[in-house]
Amino acid sequence: MKAKLTFLVTLMVSFTLCVVIIGMVAVLMAGLFDPIVDNGEIFKLISPAFQTIVGGFIGLLAGVKLSHGEKEEEPK
């Protein structure tokens, strides 16, 4: 049961991370090719948000994988 839950959490986190990364890259690319927008400002806005999101998800995945190795004692 715990292995299945760990798999589902890892799958959901990985999928969410992929969607967020694809969305942020799409917005970044749209801003880079828009002649009205200053490219320097795009990087100032997106870089901290990008690092925070990726760091949080990587930490969550690492925590899930590390806790997966622990074995629960079965009731006697």
N, C-alpha and C. Protein backbone atom coordinates (compact mmCIF):
# COMPACT_ATOMS: atom_id res chain seq x y z
N MET A 1 0.82 -1.20 0.00
CA MET A 1 0.00 0.00 0.00
C MET A 1 0.87 1.26 0.00
N LYS A 2 1.92 1.25 0.85
CA LYS A 2 2.78 2.43 0.93
C LYS A 2 3.54 2.64 -0.37
N ALA A 3 3.94 1.56 -1.03
CA ALA A 3 4.67 1.68 -2.30
C ALA A 3 3.76 2.28 -3.38
N LYS A 4 2.49 1.89 -3.38
CA LYS A 4 1.55 2.42 -4.36
C LYS A 4 1.30 3.91 -4.12
N LEU A 5 1.17 4.29 -2.86
CA LEU A 5 0.97 5.70 -2.51
C LEU A 5 2.19 6.53 -2.90
N THR A 6 3.37 5.99 -2.62
CA THR A 6 4.60 6.69 -3.00
C THR A 6 4.69 6.86 -4.51
N PHE A 7 4.32 5.84 -5.24
CA PHE A 7 4.33 5.92 -6.71
C PHE A 7 3.36 6.98 -7.21
N LEU A 8 2.16 7.01 -6.64
CA LEU A 8 1.16 7.99 -7.07
C LEU A 8 1.60 9.42 -6.75
N VAL A 9 2.16 9.64 -5.57
CA VAL A 9 2.63 10.97 -5.21
C VAL A 9 3.77 11.40 -6.12
N THR A 10 4.71 10.49 -6.37
CA THR A 10 5.83 10.80 -7.26
C THR A 10 5.33 11.10 -8.67
N LEU A 11 4.38 10.36 -9.14
CA LEU A 11 3.82 10.58 -10.47
C LEU A 11 3.11 11.93 -10.56
N MET A 12 2.31 12.27 -9.56
CA MET A 12 1.61 13.55 -9.57
C MET A 12 2.58 14.73 -9.49
N VAL A 13 3.58 14.61 -8.63
CA VAL A 13 4.55 15.70 -8.50
C VAL A 13 5.35 15.86 -9.79
N SER A 14 5.75 14.77 -10.38
CA SER A 14 6.52 14.84 -11.63
C SER A 14 5.68 15.44 -12.75
N PHE A 15 4.43 15.04 -12.86
CA PHE A 15 3.55 15.58 -13.89
C PHE A 15 3.33 17.08 -13.68
N THR A 16 3.07 17.48 -12.43
CA THR A 16 2.85 18.89 -12.14
C THR A 16 4.10 19.71 -12.44
N LEU A 17 5.27 19.17 -12.09
CA LEU A 17 6.52 19.86 -12.38
C LEU A 17 6.70 20.03 -13.88
N CYS A 18 6.40 19.02 -14.65
CA CYS A 18 6.51 19.11 -16.12
C CYS A 18 5.57 20.17 -16.68
N VAL A 19 4.35 20.21 -16.20
CA VAL A 19 3.38 21.20 -16.69
C VAL A 19 3.84 22.62 -16.34
N VAL A 20 4.32 22.81 -15.12
CA VAL A 20 4.77 24.14 -14.70
C VAL A 20 5.98 24.58 -15.52
N ILE A 21 6.93 23.68 -15.73
CA ILE A 21 8.13 24.02 -16.50
C ILE A 21 7.76 24.35 -17.95
N ILE A 22 6.90 23.56 -18.55
CA ILE A 22 6.49 23.82 -19.93
C ILE A 22 5.77 25.17 -20.02
N GLY A 23 4.90 25.46 -19.06
CA GLY A 23 4.20 26.75 -19.05
C GLY A 23 5.14 27.92 -18.89
N MET A 24 6.11 27.80 -17.98
CA MET A 24 7.05 28.90 -17.78
C MET A 24 7.95 29.10 -18.99
N VAL A 25 8.36 28.03 -19.63
CA VAL A 25 9.18 28.16 -20.83
C VAL A 25 8.37 28.78 -21.96
N ALA A 26 7.09 28.42 -22.08
CA ALA A 26 6.25 29.01 -23.12
C ALA A 26 6.08 30.51 -22.91
N VAL A 27 5.86 30.91 -21.66
CA VAL A 27 5.72 32.34 -21.36
C VAL A 27 7.03 33.06 -21.62
N LEU A 28 8.13 32.47 -21.24
CA LEU A 28 9.44 33.07 -21.47
C LEU A 28 9.69 33.25 -22.96
N MET A 29 9.40 32.23 -23.75
CA MET A 29 9.62 32.32 -25.19
C MET A 29 8.69 33.35 -25.84
N ALA A 30 7.45 33.42 -25.39
CA ALA A 30 6.53 34.42 -25.93
C ALA A 30 7.02 35.83 -25.60
N GLY A 31 7.53 36.02 -24.39
CA GLY A 31 8.04 37.33 -24.01
C GLY A 31 9.31 37.71 -24.74
N LEU A 32 10.15 36.72 -25.01
CA LEU A 32 11.40 37.01 -25.71
C LEU A 32 11.17 37.48 -27.14
N PHE A 33 10.15 36.95 -27.78
CA PHE A 33 9.89 37.30 -29.17
C PHE A 33 8.90 38.45 -29.33
N ASP A 34 8.41 39.01 -28.23
CA ASP A 34 7.51 40.16 -28.29
C ASP A 34 8.36 41.43 -28.32
N PRO A 35 8.23 42.24 -29.36
CA PRO A 35 9.10 43.42 -29.48
C PRO A 35 8.83 44.50 -28.43
N ILE A 36 7.67 44.49 -27.82
CA ILE A 36 7.31 45.51 -26.83
C ILE A 36 7.99 45.25 -25.48
N VAL A 37 8.22 43.99 -25.15
CA VAL A 37 8.72 43.61 -23.83
C VAL A 37 10.24 43.69 -23.80
N ASP A 38 10.78 44.25 -22.70
CA ASP A 38 12.23 44.31 -22.50
C ASP A 38 12.70 42.94 -22.00
N ASN A 39 13.62 42.32 -22.70
CA ASN A 39 14.07 40.97 -22.37
C ASN A 39 14.76 40.89 -21.01
N GLY A 40 15.45 41.93 -20.60
CA GLY A 40 16.10 41.92 -19.30
C GLY A 40 15.11 41.82 -18.16
N GLU A 41 13.96 42.43 -18.32
CA GLU A 41 12.94 42.39 -17.27
C GLU A 41 12.29 41.01 -17.16
N ILE A 42 12.21 40.30 -18.26
CA ILE A 42 11.62 38.96 -18.22
C ILE A 42 12.46 38.06 -17.32
N PHE A 43 13.77 38.09 -17.50
CA PHE A 43 14.64 37.23 -16.71
C PHE A 43 14.62 37.62 -15.24
N LYS A 44 14.49 38.91 -14.94
CA LYS A 44 14.41 39.34 -13.54
C LYS A 44 13.15 38.83 -12.87
N LEU A 45 12.06 38.72 -13.61
CA LEU A 45 10.79 38.27 -13.04
C LEU A 45 10.68 36.76 -12.95
N ILE A 46 11.12 36.06 -13.98
CA ILE A 46 10.87 34.63 -14.05
C ILE A 46 11.93 33.81 -13.31
N SER A 47 13.15 34.24 -13.28
CA SER A 47 14.22 33.44 -12.69
C SER A 47 13.96 33.06 -11.23
N PRO A 48 13.62 33.98 -10.33
CA PRO A 48 13.36 33.55 -8.94
C PRO A 48 12.17 32.61 -8.82
N ALA A 49 11.11 32.87 -9.57
CA ALA A 49 9.94 31.99 -9.51
C ALA A 49 10.29 30.60 -10.03
N PHE A 50 11.04 30.55 -11.10
CA PHE A 50 11.45 29.28 -11.69
C PHE A 50 12.29 28.48 -10.71
N GLN A 51 13.26 29.12 -10.06
CA GLN A 51 14.12 28.43 -9.11
C GLN A 51 13.34 27.94 -7.89
N THR A 52 12.40 28.74 -7.43
CA THR A 52 11.60 28.34 -6.26
C THR A 52 10.73 27.14 -6.57
N ILE A 53 10.08 27.15 -7.71
CA ILE A 53 9.19 26.05 -8.07
C ILE A 53 9.99 24.76 -8.27
N VAL A 54 11.07 24.84 -9.03
CA VAL A 54 11.87 23.65 -9.30
C VAL A 54 12.48 23.12 -8.00
N GLY A 55 13.02 24.00 -7.17
CA GLY A 55 13.62 23.58 -5.90
C GLY A 55 12.62 22.91 -4.98
N GLY A 56 11.42 23.48 -4.90
CA GLY A 56 10.39 22.88 -4.06
C GLY A 56 9.98 21.50 -4.51
N PHE A 57 9.77 21.33 -5.80
CA PHE A 57 9.37 20.02 -6.31
C PHE A 57 10.49 19.00 -6.18
N ILE A 58 11.72 19.40 -6.43
CA ILE A 58 12.85 18.47 -6.30
C ILE A 58 13.00 18.05 -4.85
N GLY A 59 12.84 18.98 -3.92
CA GLY A 59 12.89 18.64 -2.50
C GLY A 59 11.79 17.68 -2.10
N LEU A 60 10.60 17.89 -2.63
CA LEU A 60 9.48 17.00 -2.33
C LEU A 60 9.73 15.60 -2.88
N LEU A 61 10.21 15.52 -4.11
CA LEU A 61 10.52 14.21 -4.69
C LEU A 61 11.62 13.51 -3.91
N ALA A 62 12.64 14.24 -3.51
CA ALA A 62 13.73 13.64 -2.73
C ALA A 62 13.21 13.13 -1.39
N GLY A 63 12.36 13.90 -0.73
CA GLY A 63 11.79 13.48 0.54
C GLY A 63 10.93 12.24 0.41
N VAL A 64 10.15 12.16 -0.65
CA VAL A 64 9.31 10.99 -0.87
C VAL A 64 10.17 9.76 -1.12
N LYS A 65 11.21 9.91 -1.92
CA LYS A 65 12.08 8.78 -2.23
C LYS A 65 12.88 8.34 -1.02
N LEU A 66 13.32 9.28 -0.19
CA LEU A 66 14.08 8.90 1.01
C LEU A 66 13.19 8.22 2.03
N SER A 67 11.97 8.67 2.18
CA SER A 67 11.08 8.06 3.16
C SER A 67 10.55 6.71 2.67
N HIS A 68 10.65 6.44 1.39
CA HIS A 68 10.16 5.18 0.85
C HIS A 68 11.00 4.00 1.34
N GLY A 69 12.26 4.23 1.66
CA GLY A 69 13.14 3.15 2.12
C GLY A 69 12.84 2.68 3.53
N GLU A 70 12.10 3.48 4.31
CA GLU A 70 11.78 3.09 5.68
C GLU A 70 10.71 2.01 5.66
N LYS A 71 10.89 1.03 6.51
CA LYS A 71 9.93 -0.07 6.60
C LYS A 71 9.08 0.11 7.85
N GLU A 72 7.80 -0.03 7.69
CA GLU A 72 6.89 0.03 8.83
C GLU A 72 6.78 -1.36 9.44
N GLU A 73 6.73 -1.40 10.76
CA GLU A 73 6.57 -2.68 11.42
C GLU A 73 5.11 -3.10 11.32
N GLU A 74 4.91 -4.35 10.97
CA GLU A 74 3.55 -4.87 10.86
C GLU A 74 3.06 -5.25 12.25
N PRO A 75 1.79 -4.99 12.52
CA PRO A 75 1.25 -5.38 13.83
C PRO A 75 1.27 -6.89 14.00
N LYS A 76 1.56 -7.31 15.23
CA LYS A 76 1.63 -8.77 15.50
C LYS A 76 0.29 -9.32 15.88
